């Protein structure tokens, strides 16, 4: 699963933000994301915790 994280296109993030975001995507998070995508079921709490963790990386998720 780590290869998926390593290949993610993270746009214009600086190196510190890139490493921070990649650290957020644990095997459990990726597994839950893939399962919910394939089954159409609601994702669990690990997915919802991502927003806070990504924001803690200095990324404004709502910047448009």
Protein backbone atom coordinates (compact mmCIF):
# COMPACT_ATOMS: atom_id res chain seq x y z
CA UNK A 1 0.00 0.00 0.00
CA UNK A 2 2.94 2.34 0.58
CA UNK A 3 3.53 2.48 -3.19
CA UNK A 4 0.09 4.10 -3.60
CA UNK A 5 1.04 6.82 -1.12
CA UNK A 6 4.45 7.35 -2.71
CA UNK A 7 2.83 7.79 -6.15
CA UNK A 8 0.16 10.29 -5.03
CA UNK A 9 0.26 13.59 -6.92
CA UNK A 10 0.21 16.17 -4.15
CA UNK A 11 0.32 19.20 -6.38
CA UNK A 12 2.31 22.18 -5.25
CA UNK A 13 3.03 21.18 -1.65
CA UNK A 14 6.48 21.86 -0.27
CA UNK A 15 8.65 18.95 0.84
CA UNK A 16 7.62 19.16 4.51
CA UNK A 17 3.91 19.22 3.65
CA UNK A 18 4.34 16.33 1.21
CA UNK A 19 6.02 14.14 3.82
CA UNK A 20 3.43 15.14 6.43
CA UNK A 21 0.50 14.24 4.17
CA UNK A 22 2.08 10.96 3.11
CA UNK A 23 2.54 10.10 6.79
CA UNK A 24 -1.20 10.54 7.38
CA UNK A 25 -2.09 7.76 4.94
CA UNK A 26 -1.49 4.63 6.99
CA UNK A 27 -2.27 1.16 5.69
CA UNK A 28 -5.47 1.18 7.76
CA UNK A 29 -6.66 4.43 6.22
CA UNK A 30 -5.88 3.25 2.70
CA UNK A 31 -7.60 -0.08 3.28
CA UNK A 32 -10.70 1.62 4.66
CA UNK A 33 -10.77 4.08 1.76
CA UNK A 34 -10.46 1.34 -0.83
CA UNK A 35 -13.08 -0.86 0.85
CA UNK A 36 -15.60 1.98 1.07
CA UNK A 37 -14.94 2.93 -2.55
CA UNK A 38 -15.41 -0.62 -3.80
CA UNK A 39 -18.44 -1.47 -1.66
CA UNK A 40 -20.18 1.91 -1.75
CA UNK A 41 -20.47 1.85 2.03
CA UNK A 42 -19.79 4.85 4.22
CA UNK A 43 -16.16 5.13 5.25
CA UNK A 44 -15.26 4.67 8.88
CA UNK A 45 -13.78 7.06 11.40
CA UNK A 46 -10.21 6.71 10.13
CA UNK A 47 -11.16 8.44 6.90
CA UNK A 48 -12.92 11.30 8.66
CA UNK A 49 -9.90 11.91 10.89
CA UNK A 50 -7.84 12.63 7.76
CA UNK A 51 -9.18 16.16 7.39
CA UNK A 52 -7.84 17.22 10.77
CA UNK A 53 -4.53 15.46 10.25
CA UNK A 54 -4.03 16.98 6.81
CA UNK A 55 -4.93 20.42 8.17
CA UNK A 56 -2.27 19.89 10.84
CA UNK A 57 0.23 19.56 7.97
CA UNK A 58 -0.37 23.25 7.20
CA UNK A 59 -2.75 22.64 4.33
CA UNK A 60 -5.98 24.61 3.94
CA UNK A 61 -8.42 22.05 2.60
CA UNK A 62 -11.01 24.69 1.83
CA UNK A 63 -8.77 27.09 -0.11
CA UNK A 64 -10.43 27.58 -3.47
